[in-house]
Amino acid sequence: MELETPMTTLPDRPRTAVLVIDMQNGVVAEAHERDTVIANIVTVVDKARAADVPVIWVQHSDDELPRGSESWAYVPELVRRDGEPLVHKLYGDSFEATDLESVLAAHAVGHLVVTGAQTDVCIRSTLHGAFTRGYDATLVADAHTTEDLSGYGAPTPDLVIAHTNLYWHRQEAPGRRGGTLRAQELSFS
């Protein structure tokens, strides 16, 4: 299924970009369906590269993910190419106190295709952050994941993922829209 023409409220932003958020060793070590999600992200990234769609990598750091550490590093299955932007962040929303907005502006991007981790924190925060800033945002339904926090009262990861896909599927507001697609359905042509 081909992505719809962006409706973004951002002027002169006709392009789409893929975000790969926080697929770092320490973030996804215990993630739900880790290997399947990584394979689906590889599919999305390969499709984007083949269509000359920018791929933007987002990398979180904090006390548990110190910059330069093994836990901070991206999983070995996902390799950023030279020239693909890398955005460093300290907060859940990939826009908050980062250069993501200027990177997207430089590429004339008004529509984001979102993948990565963790569904209930950084994915949701970034989706909402993009939407409130005027971007269209498509969530790749089978290319995001989270760890099991049910011991703290959260739903199990499969339910967190399903719920996020459910409510984002029909997300819309004046001049912009959300939506979900599966990795195999996604087409950038």
N, C-alpha and C. Protein backbone atom coordinates (compact mmCIF):
# COMPACT_ATOMS: atom_id res chain seq x y z
N MET A 1 0.84 -1.16 0.00
CA MET A 1 0.00 0.00 0.00
C MET A 1 0.90 1.24 0.00
N GLU A 2 0.65 2.12 -0.93
CA GLU A 2 1.44 3.32 -1.04
C GLU A 2 1.01 4.34 0.00
N LEU A 3 1.97 5.08 0.53
CA LEU A 3 1.65 6.15 1.46
C LEU A 3 0.84 7.22 0.76
N GLU A 4 -0.12 7.80 1.46
CA GLU A 4 -0.92 8.87 0.89
C GLU A 4 -0.09 10.14 0.78
N THR A 5 -0.51 11.03 -0.10
CA THR A 5 0.15 12.31 -0.23
C THR A 5 0.04 13.05 1.10
N PRO A 6 1.18 13.58 1.59
CA PRO A 6 1.13 14.27 2.88
C PRO A 6 0.14 15.43 2.89
N MET A 7 -0.52 15.60 4.04
CA MET A 7 -1.41 16.73 4.26
C MET A 7 -0.77 17.75 5.18
N THR A 8 0.42 17.52 5.64
CA THR A 8 1.07 18.32 6.66
C THR A 8 0.69 19.80 6.61
N THR A 9 0.65 20.41 7.77
CA THR A 9 0.39 21.85 7.84
C THR A 9 1.68 22.65 7.68
N LEU A 10 2.79 21.98 7.51
CA LEU A 10 4.08 22.65 7.34
C LEU A 10 4.25 23.04 5.86
N PRO A 11 4.48 24.32 5.59
CA PRO A 11 4.60 24.75 4.19
C PRO A 11 5.88 24.22 3.54
N ASP A 12 5.77 23.87 2.27
CA ASP A 12 6.92 23.44 1.47
C ASP A 12 7.65 22.24 2.06
N ARG A 13 6.86 21.27 2.57
CA ARG A 13 7.44 20.05 3.15
C ARG A 13 6.79 18.83 2.50
N PRO A 14 7.03 18.57 1.22
CA PRO A 14 6.36 17.47 0.52
C PRO A 14 6.97 16.09 0.74
N ARG A 15 8.13 16.01 1.37
CA ARG A 15 8.85 14.73 1.45
C ARG A 15 8.47 13.93 2.69
N THR A 16 8.80 12.64 2.60
CA THR A 16 8.63 11.69 3.69
C THR A 16 10.01 11.26 4.18
N ALA A 17 10.12 10.96 5.46
CA ALA A 17 11.35 10.40 6.03
C ALA A 17 10.98 9.28 6.99
N VAL A 18 11.88 8.33 7.14
CA VAL A 18 11.73 7.24 8.11
C VAL A 18 12.52 7.61 9.36
N LEU A 19 11.89 7.46 10.53
CA LEU A 19 12.59 7.60 11.79
C LEU A 19 12.82 6.20 12.37
N VAL A 20 14.04 5.93 12.79
CA VAL A 20 14.37 4.70 13.51
C VAL A 20 14.76 5.16 14.91
N ILE A 21 13.88 4.91 15.88
CA ILE A 21 14.03 5.47 17.21
C ILE A 21 14.55 4.44 18.21
N ASP A 22 15.68 4.73 18.81
CA ASP A 22 16.20 4.04 20.01
C ASP A 22 16.32 2.51 19.90
N MET A 23 16.67 2.01 18.75
CA MET A 23 16.86 0.57 18.62
C MET A 23 18.28 0.22 19.10
N GLN A 24 18.49 0.48 20.37
CA GLN A 24 19.79 0.34 21.01
C GLN A 24 19.83 -0.93 21.85
N ASN A 25 21.01 -1.48 22.02
CA ASN A 25 21.19 -2.72 22.76
C ASN A 25 20.49 -2.70 24.11
N GLY A 26 20.69 -1.67 24.90
CA GLY A 26 20.11 -1.59 26.23
C GLY A 26 18.63 -1.33 26.24
N VAL A 27 18.08 -0.83 25.14
CA VAL A 27 16.65 -0.53 25.06
C VAL A 27 15.86 -1.77 24.66
N VAL A 28 16.40 -2.55 23.73
CA VAL A 28 15.61 -3.67 23.19
C VAL A 28 16.11 -5.05 23.61
N ALA A 29 17.01 -5.11 24.58
CA ALA A 29 17.54 -6.41 25.02
C ALA A 29 16.43 -7.37 25.44
N GLU A 30 15.41 -6.86 26.09
CA GLU A 30 14.29 -7.68 26.57
C GLU A 30 12.98 -7.32 25.87
N ALA A 31 13.07 -6.75 24.69
CA ALA A 31 11.87 -6.26 23.98
C ALA A 31 11.04 -7.40 23.41
N HIS A 32 9.74 -7.16 23.37
CA HIS A 32 8.77 -8.08 22.81
C HIS A 32 9.05 -8.29 21.31
N GLU A 33 9.18 -9.54 20.89
CA GLU A 33 9.41 -9.91 19.48
C GLU A 33 10.55 -9.11 18.86
N ARG A 34 11.61 -8.96 19.62
CA ARG A 34 12.77 -8.16 19.21
C ARG A 34 13.24 -8.47 17.79
N ASP A 35 13.52 -9.73 17.49
CA ASP A 35 14.10 -10.09 16.20
C ASP A 35 13.14 -9.82 15.04
N THR A 36 11.86 -10.07 15.25
CA THR A 36 10.86 -9.81 14.21
C THR A 36 10.75 -8.32 13.94
N VAL A 37 10.72 -7.53 15.01
CA VAL A 37 10.64 -6.08 14.85
C VAL A 37 11.87 -5.56 14.13
N ILE A 38 13.05 -6.03 14.49
CA ILE A 38 14.28 -5.59 13.81
C ILE A 38 14.20 -5.96 12.33
N ALA A 39 13.78 -7.16 12.00
CA ALA A 39 13.66 -7.56 10.60
C ALA A 39 12.69 -6.64 9.85
N ASN A 40 11.60 -6.27 10.50
CA ASN A 40 10.64 -5.37 9.85
C ASN A 40 11.21 -3.97 9.67
N ILE A 41 12.00 -3.51 10.63
CA ILE A 41 12.65 -2.21 10.47
C ILE A 41 13.66 -2.27 9.32
N VAL A 42 14.41 -3.36 9.21
CA VAL A 42 15.33 -3.53 8.09
C VAL A 42 14.57 -3.42 6.77
N THR A 43 13.40 -4.05 6.68
CA THR A 43 12.57 -3.98 5.48
C THR A 43 12.20 -2.53 5.16
N VAL A 44 11.75 -1.80 6.17
CA VAL A 44 11.35 -0.40 5.98
C VAL A 44 12.55 0.44 5.53
N VAL A 45 13.68 0.28 6.20
CA VAL A 45 14.88 1.05 5.86
C VAL A 45 15.34 0.73 4.44
N ASP A 46 15.33 -0.55 4.07
CA ASP A 46 15.72 -0.93 2.70
C ASP A 46 14.80 -0.31 1.66
N LYS A 47 13.50 -0.32 1.92
CA LYS A 47 12.54 0.30 0.99
C LYS A 47 12.78 1.81 0.89
N ALA A 48 13.04 2.45 2.01
CA ALA A 48 13.29 3.89 2.01
C ALA A 48 14.55 4.21 1.22
N ARG A 49 15.61 3.49 1.48
CA ARG A 49 16.87 3.74 0.76
C ARG A 49 16.70 3.54 -0.73
N ALA A 50 15.98 2.50 -1.13
CA ALA A 50 15.76 2.22 -2.56
C ALA A 50 14.97 3.33 -3.23
N ALA A 51 14.12 4.03 -2.48
CA ALA A 51 13.29 5.10 -3.03
C ALA A 51 13.87 6.49 -2.75
N ASP A 52 15.10 6.55 -2.25
CA ASP A 52 15.75 7.82 -1.92
C ASP A 52 14.97 8.63 -0.89
N VAL A 53 14.37 7.91 0.06
CA VAL A 53 13.66 8.53 1.18
C VAL A 53 14.65 8.63 2.34
N PRO A 54 14.78 9.80 2.96
CA PRO A 54 15.74 9.93 4.07
C PRO A 54 15.42 8.97 5.23
N VAL A 55 16.47 8.40 5.78
CA VAL A 55 16.36 7.58 6.99
C VAL A 55 17.09 8.34 8.08
N ILE A 56 16.36 8.63 9.15
CA ILE A 56 16.92 9.42 10.25
C ILE A 56 16.94 8.56 11.50
N TRP A 57 18.11 8.47 12.11
CA TRP A 57 18.34 7.63 13.27
C TRP A 57 18.29 8.49 14.53
N VAL A 58 17.58 8.00 15.54
CA VAL A 58 17.45 8.71 16.81
C VAL A 58 18.04 7.83 17.90
N GLN A 59 18.89 8.42 18.74
CA GLN A 59 19.61 7.64 19.76
C GLN A 59 19.52 8.34 21.11
N HIS A 60 19.00 7.60 22.08
CA HIS A 60 18.76 8.12 23.43
C HIS A 60 19.98 7.90 24.32
N SER A 61 20.22 8.84 25.22
CA SER A 61 21.22 8.61 26.26
C SER A 61 20.68 9.11 27.59
N ASP A 62 21.06 8.41 28.65
CA ASP A 62 20.71 8.77 30.03
C ASP A 62 21.63 7.98 30.95
N ASP A 63 21.33 7.95 32.23
CA ASP A 63 22.19 7.25 33.19
C ASP A 63 22.31 5.76 32.89
N GLU A 64 21.24 5.15 32.37
CA GLU A 64 21.26 3.72 32.04
C GLU A 64 21.82 3.45 30.64
N LEU A 65 21.88 4.49 29.83
CA LEU A 65 22.41 4.39 28.46
C LEU A 65 23.48 5.46 28.26
N PRO A 66 24.62 5.32 28.96
CA PRO A 66 25.65 6.36 28.83
C PRO A 66 26.24 6.38 27.42
N ARG A 67 26.35 7.57 26.89
CA ARG A 67 26.87 7.75 25.54
C ARG A 67 28.21 7.04 25.36
N GLY A 68 28.30 6.26 24.28
CA GLY A 68 29.52 5.53 23.98
C GLY A 68 29.57 4.12 24.55
N SER A 69 28.61 3.77 25.41
CA SER A 69 28.61 2.44 26.03
C SER A 69 28.00 1.40 25.08
N GLU A 70 28.19 0.13 25.42
CA GLU A 70 27.61 -0.96 24.63
C GLU A 70 26.08 -0.90 24.68
N SER A 71 25.51 -0.58 25.83
CA SER A 71 24.05 -0.51 25.92
C SER A 71 23.48 0.65 25.10
N TRP A 72 24.26 1.69 24.91
CA TRP A 72 23.86 2.87 24.13
C TRP A 72 23.92 2.62 22.63
N ALA A 73 24.78 1.69 22.20
CA ALA A 73 24.99 1.43 20.77
C ALA A 73 23.74 0.83 20.13
N TYR A 74 23.57 1.14 18.84
CA TYR A 74 22.49 0.54 18.07
C TYR A 74 22.72 -0.96 17.93
N VAL A 75 21.62 -1.73 17.84
CA VAL A 75 21.75 -3.18 17.65
C VAL A 75 22.53 -3.43 16.37
N PRO A 76 23.33 -4.49 16.33
CA PRO A 76 24.20 -4.71 15.16
C PRO A 76 23.44 -4.99 13.87
N GLU A 77 22.19 -5.42 13.95
CA GLU A 77 21.41 -5.71 12.74
C GLU A 77 20.99 -4.44 11.99
N LEU A 78 21.03 -3.31 12.67
CA LEU A 78 20.62 -2.03 12.06
C LEU A 78 21.85 -1.13 11.94
N VAL A 79 22.25 -0.86 10.71
CA VAL A 79 23.48 -0.10 10.48
C VAL A 79 23.15 1.20 9.74
N ARG A 80 23.51 2.28 10.37
CA ARG A 80 23.33 3.60 9.76
C ARG A 80 24.40 3.81 8.70
N ARG A 81 24.00 4.31 7.56
CA ARG A 81 24.96 4.62 6.50
C ARG A 81 25.53 6.02 6.69
N ASP A 82 26.74 6.20 6.19
CA ASP A 82 27.33 7.54 6.19
C ASP A 82 26.37 8.48 5.48
N GLY A 83 26.19 9.64 6.03
CA GLY A 83 25.31 10.63 5.43
C GLY A 83 23.89 10.59 5.96
N GLU A 84 23.50 9.48 6.61
CA GLU A 84 22.16 9.42 7.21
C GLU A 84 22.22 10.13 8.56
N PRO A 85 21.33 11.10 8.78
CA PRO A 85 21.39 11.88 10.01
C PRO A 85 21.21 11.04 11.27
N LEU A 86 21.91 11.45 12.31
CA LEU A 86 21.79 10.85 13.64
C LEU A 86 21.41 11.96 14.61
N VAL A 87 20.29 11.78 15.29
CA VAL A 87 19.79 12.76 16.25
C VAL A 87 19.97 12.18 17.65
N HIS A 88 20.66 12.91 18.50
CA HIS A 88 20.86 12.48 19.89
C HIS A 88 19.78 13.13 20.75
N LYS A 89 19.19 12.32 21.65
CA LYS A 89 18.13 12.86 22.50
C LYS A 89 18.30 12.43 23.96
N LEU A 90 17.64 13.21 24.82
CA LEU A 90 17.66 12.95 26.26
C LEU A 90 16.26 12.72 26.81
N TYR A 91 15.23 12.97 26.00
CA TYR A 91 13.83 12.89 26.44
C TYR A 91 13.07 11.93 25.53
N GLY A 92 11.86 11.56 25.95
CA GLY A 92 11.06 10.63 25.18
C GLY A 92 10.72 11.14 23.79
N ASP A 93 10.27 12.38 23.68
CA ASP A 93 9.91 12.99 22.41
C ASP A 93 11.20 13.30 21.64
N SER A 94 11.35 12.71 20.47
CA SER A 94 12.57 12.90 19.67
C SER A 94 12.78 14.33 19.21
N PHE A 95 11.75 15.18 19.32
CA PHE A 95 11.88 16.59 18.96
C PHE A 95 12.40 17.43 20.13
N GLU A 96 12.19 16.98 21.34
CA GLU A 96 12.45 17.80 22.53
C GLU A 96 13.94 18.00 22.75
N ALA A 97 14.38 19.26 22.64
CA ALA A 97 15.77 19.65 22.88
C ALA A 97 16.75 18.90 21.97
N THR A 98 16.34 18.68 20.70
CA THR A 98 17.21 18.04 19.71
C THR A 98 17.24 18.89 18.44
N ASP A 99 18.01 18.44 17.47
CA ASP A 99 18.05 19.10 16.16
C ASP A 99 17.17 18.40 15.13
N LEU A 100 16.25 17.53 15.58
CA LEU A 100 15.40 16.79 14.64
C LEU A 100 14.63 17.72 13.72
N GLU A 101 14.04 18.76 14.26
CA GLU A 101 13.25 19.69 13.43
C GLU A 101 14.11 20.30 12.33
N SER A 102 15.32 20.72 12.64
CA SER A 102 16.17 21.32 11.60
C SER A 102 16.62 20.28 10.58
N VAL A 103 16.84 19.05 11.00
CA VAL A 103 17.19 17.97 10.07
C VAL A 103 16.02 17.73 9.11
N LEU A 104 14.80 17.67 9.64
CA LEU A 104 13.63 17.45 8.80
C LEU A 104 13.40 18.62 7.86
N ALA A 105 13.57 19.83 8.34
CA ALA A 105 13.41 21.01 7.49
C ALA A 105 14.41 21.00 6.35
N ALA A 106 15.65 20.63 6.64
CA ALA A 106 16.69 20.59 5.60
C ALA A 106 16.36 19.59 4.49
N HIS A 107 15.59 18.56 4.83
CA HIS A 107 15.19 17.55 3.85
C HIS A 107 13.77 17.79 3.33
N ALA A 108 13.15 18.91 3.70
CA ALA A 108 11.78 19.27 3.27
C ALA A 108 10.76 18.20 3.63
N VAL A 109 10.90 17.63 4.83
CA VAL A 109 10.04 16.53 5.29
C VAL A 109 8.84 17.07 6.05
N GLY A 110 7.65 16.59 5.65
CA GLY A 110 6.42 16.91 6.35
C GLY A 110 5.67 15.67 6.81
N HIS A 111 6.19 14.50 6.43
CA HIS A 111 5.54 13.23 6.77
C HIS A 111 6.58 12.28 7.33
N LEU A 112 6.31 11.75 8.52
CA LEU A 112 7.22 10.81 9.17
C LEU A 112 6.65 9.40 9.17
N VAL A 113 7.51 8.44 8.91
CA VAL A 113 7.19 7.02 9.05
C VAL A 113 8.01 6.56 10.25
N VAL A 114 7.30 6.15 11.32
CA VAL A 114 7.94 5.94 12.62
C VAL A 114 8.10 4.45 12.93
N THR A 115 9.33 4.09 13.35
CA THR A 115 9.67 2.74 13.79
C THR A 115 10.51 2.85 15.06
N GLY A 116 10.64 1.74 15.80
CA GLY A 116 11.60 1.72 16.90
C GLY A 116 11.05 1.29 18.24
N ALA A 117 11.62 1.87 19.29
CA ALA A 117 11.29 1.50 20.66
C ALA A 117 11.37 2.75 21.54
N GLN A 118 10.80 2.73 22.65
CA GLN A 118 9.81 1.80 23.17
C GLN A 118 8.43 2.37 22.89
N THR A 119 7.52 1.48 22.54
CA THR A 119 6.17 1.87 22.13
C THR A 119 5.52 2.82 23.10
N ASP A 120 5.55 2.49 24.39
CA ASP A 120 4.80 3.23 25.39
C ASP A 120 5.50 4.48 25.89
N VAL A 121 6.69 4.76 25.41
CA VAL A 121 7.40 5.96 25.86
C VAL A 121 7.82 6.78 24.64
N CYS A 122 8.94 6.44 24.05
CA CYS A 122 9.53 7.28 23.00
C CYS A 122 8.74 7.25 21.68
N ILE A 123 8.15 6.12 21.34
CA ILE A 123 7.35 6.07 20.11
C ILE A 123 6.12 6.95 20.27
N ARG A 124 5.36 6.74 21.34
CA ARG A 124 4.16 7.55 21.55
C ARG A 124 4.50 9.03 21.69
N SER A 125 5.51 9.35 22.45
CA SER A 125 5.89 10.76 22.64
C SER A 125 6.27 11.41 21.31
N THR A 126 7.03 10.70 20.49
CA THR A 126 7.45 11.26 19.21
C THR A 126 6.29 11.39 18.24
N LEU A 127 5.40 10.39 18.20
CA LEU A 127 4.21 10.51 17.35
C LEU A 127 3.41 11.75 17.70
N HIS A 128 3.13 11.92 18.98
CA HIS A 128 2.35 13.07 19.41
C HIS A 128 3.13 14.38 19.21
N GLY A 129 4.42 14.34 19.46
CA GLY A 129 5.26 15.53 19.24
C GLY A 129 5.26 15.94 17.78
N ALA A 130 5.34 14.98 16.89
CA ALA A 130 5.30 15.27 15.45
C ALA A 130 3.95 15.86 15.07
N PHE A 131 2.91 15.22 15.52
CA PHE A 131 1.54 15.62 15.17
C PHE A 131 1.24 17.04 15.62
N THR A 132 1.61 17.37 16.85
CA THR A 132 1.33 18.71 17.35
C THR A 132 2.19 19.78 16.67
N ARG A 133 3.29 19.36 16.07
CA ARG A 133 4.14 20.29 15.35
C ARG A 133 3.73 20.42 13.89
N GLY A 134 2.69 19.69 13.46
CA GLY A 134 2.17 19.84 12.10
C GLY A 134 2.53 18.74 11.13
N TYR A 135 3.22 17.72 11.57
CA TYR A 135 3.62 16.62 10.68
C TYR A 135 2.52 15.58 10.55
N ASP A 136 2.44 14.95 9.39
CA ASP A 136 1.74 13.68 9.26
C ASP A 136 2.66 12.63 9.86
N ALA A 137 2.09 11.60 10.47
CA ALA A 137 2.93 10.58 11.10
C ALA A 137 2.29 9.21 10.93
N THR A 138 2.97 8.34 10.20
CA THR A 138 2.53 6.97 10.00
C THR A 138 3.37 6.06 10.89
N LEU A 139 2.69 5.26 11.70
CA LEU A 139 3.35 4.28 12.56
C LEU A 139 3.41 2.95 11.83
N VAL A 140 4.58 2.35 11.74
CA VAL A 140 4.69 1.03 11.13
C VAL A 140 4.29 0.03 12.22
N ALA A 141 3.11 -0.55 12.04
CA ALA A 141 2.42 -1.31 13.10
C ALA A 141 3.21 -2.51 13.61
N ASP A 142 4.06 -3.09 12.77
CA ASP A 142 4.83 -4.26 13.19
C ASP A 142 6.32 -3.97 13.27
N ALA A 143 6.65 -2.67 13.43
CA ALA A 143 8.06 -2.27 13.50
C ALA A 143 8.32 -1.36 14.70
N HIS A 144 7.59 -1.63 15.78
CA HIS A 144 7.87 -0.97 17.06
C HIS A 144 7.62 -1.97 18.18
N THR A 145 8.30 -1.75 19.30
CA THR A 145 8.24 -2.73 20.38
C THR A 145 8.50 -2.06 21.73
N THR A 146 8.29 -2.85 22.77
CA THR A 146 8.56 -2.39 24.13
C THR A 146 8.90 -3.59 25.00
N GLU A 147 9.38 -3.31 26.19
CA GLU A 147 9.68 -4.38 27.15
C GLU A 147 8.44 -4.66 28.01
N ASP A 148 8.48 -5.72 28.76
CA ASP A 148 7.36 -6.11 29.62
C ASP A 148 7.44 -5.35 30.94
N LEU A 149 6.50 -4.43 31.13
CA LEU A 149 6.42 -3.68 32.38
C LEU A 149 5.15 -4.04 33.16
N SER A 150 4.61 -5.21 32.86
CA SER A 150 3.37 -5.63 33.53
C SER A 150 3.57 -5.82 35.03
N GLY A 151 4.77 -6.07 35.47
CA GLY A 151 5.06 -6.18 36.90
C GLY A 151 4.86 -4.86 37.64
N TYR A 152 4.81 -3.78 36.89
CA TYR A 152 4.58 -2.45 37.46
C TYR A 152 3.15 -1.98 37.23
N GLY A 153 2.30 -2.88 36.72
CA GLY A 153 0.90 -2.54 36.50
C GLY A 153 0.54 -2.18 35.07
N ALA A 154 1.49 -2.16 34.19
CA ALA A 154 1.23 -1.87 32.78
C ALA A 154 0.65 -3.10 32.09
N PRO A 155 -0.05 -2.91 30.98
CA PRO A 155 -0.47 -4.08 30.19
C PRO A 155 0.76 -4.81 29.65
N THR A 156 0.58 -6.04 29.22
CA THR A 156 1.67 -6.79 28.60
C THR A 156 2.07 -6.10 27.29
N PRO A 157 3.30 -6.32 26.82
CA PRO A 157 3.78 -5.62 25.62
C PRO A 157 2.88 -5.79 24.40
N ASP A 158 2.36 -7.00 24.18
CA ASP A 158 1.51 -7.20 23.01
C ASP A 158 0.28 -6.30 23.06
N LEU A 159 -0.27 -6.08 24.26
CA LEU A 159 -1.43 -5.20 24.41
C LEU A 159 -1.06 -3.73 24.28
N VAL A 160 0.10 -3.35 24.78
CA VAL A 160 0.57 -1.97 24.61
C VAL A 160 0.71 -1.65 23.12
N ILE A 161 1.34 -2.57 22.40
CA ILE A 161 1.56 -2.39 20.96
C ILE A 161 0.23 -2.35 20.22
N ALA A 162 -0.66 -3.28 20.52
CA ALA A 162 -1.97 -3.33 19.87
C ALA A 162 -2.78 -2.06 20.13
N HIS A 163 -2.77 -1.60 21.38
CA HIS A 163 -3.51 -0.38 21.71
C HIS A 163 -2.95 0.83 20.97
N THR A 164 -1.65 0.96 20.92
CA THR A 164 -1.03 2.09 20.22
C THR A 164 -1.38 2.04 18.74
N ASN A 165 -1.32 0.86 18.14
CA ASN A 165 -1.71 0.72 16.73
C ASN A 165 -3.18 1.08 16.53
N LEU A 166 -4.03 0.67 17.46
CA LEU A 166 -5.47 0.93 17.36
C LEU A 166 -5.77 2.42 17.36
N TYR A 167 -5.25 3.14 18.34
CA TYR A 167 -5.62 4.55 18.42
C TYR A 167 -4.89 5.39 17.38
N TRP A 168 -3.70 4.97 16.92
CA TRP A 168 -3.00 5.78 15.92
C TRP A 168 -3.54 5.53 14.51
N HIS A 169 -4.21 4.41 14.31
CA HIS A 169 -4.71 4.04 12.98
C HIS A 169 -5.59 5.12 12.35
N ARG A 170 -6.42 5.76 13.13
CA ARG A 170 -7.34 6.77 12.60
C ARG A 170 -7.08 8.17 13.14
N GLN A 171 -5.88 8.40 13.62
CA GLN A 171 -5.53 9.71 14.16
C GLN A 171 -5.60 10.77 13.08
N GLU A 172 -6.30 11.86 13.34
CA GLU A 172 -6.31 12.96 12.40
C GLU A 172 -6.66 14.26 13.11
N ALA A 173 -6.30 15.35 12.48
CA ALA A 173 -6.57 16.70 12.98
C ALA A 173 -6.58 17.61 11.75
N PRO A 174 -7.01 18.83 11.89
CA PRO A 174 -7.05 19.72 10.72
C PRO A 174 -5.69 19.80 10.02
N GLY A 175 -5.68 19.45 8.75
CA GLY A 175 -4.48 19.57 7.94
C GLY A 175 -3.43 18.51 8.12
N ARG A 176 -3.69 17.48 8.91
CA ARG A 176 -2.69 16.42 9.09
C ARG A 176 -3.38 15.13 9.53
N ARG A 177 -2.64 14.03 9.34
CA ARG A 177 -3.21 12.73 9.70
C ARG A 177 -2.13 11.78 10.18
N GLY A 178 -2.60 10.83 10.95
CA GLY A 178 -1.75 9.73 11.38
C GLY A 178 -2.09 8.52 10.54
N GLY A 179 -1.90 7.35 11.11
CA GLY A 179 -2.23 6.12 10.40
C GLY A 179 -1.20 5.05 10.70
N THR A 180 -1.55 3.84 10.33
CA THR A 180 -0.63 2.71 10.49
C THR A 180 -0.58 1.90 9.20
N LEU A 181 0.55 1.32 8.97
CA LEU A 181 0.76 0.36 7.89
C LEU A 181 1.73 -0.70 8.41
N ARG A 182 1.66 -1.89 7.86
CA ARG A 182 2.63 -2.93 8.18
C ARG A 182 3.84 -2.78 7.27
N ALA A 183 4.97 -3.27 7.69
CA ALA A 183 6.22 -3.10 6.94
C ALA A 183 6.10 -3.62 5.50
N GLN A 184 5.49 -4.77 5.31
CA GLN A 184 5.35 -5.34 3.97
C GLN A 184 4.41 -4.54 3.10
N GLU A 185 3.43 -3.83 3.70
CA GLU A 185 2.47 -3.02 2.94
C GLU A 185 3.06 -1.69 2.49
N LEU A 186 4.07 -1.24 3.14
CA LEU A 186 4.61 0.10 2.94
C LEU A 186 5.29 0.23 1.57
N SER A 187 4.93 1.28 0.86
CA SER A 187 5.56 1.58 -0.42
C SER A 187 5.82 3.07 -0.49
N PHE A 188 7.01 3.44 -0.93
CA PHE A 188 7.37 4.85 -1.04
C PHE A 188 7.29 5.35 -2.48
N SER A 189 6.78 4.54 -3.39
CA SER A 189 6.77 4.95 -4.81
C SER A 189 5.67 5.93 -5.10
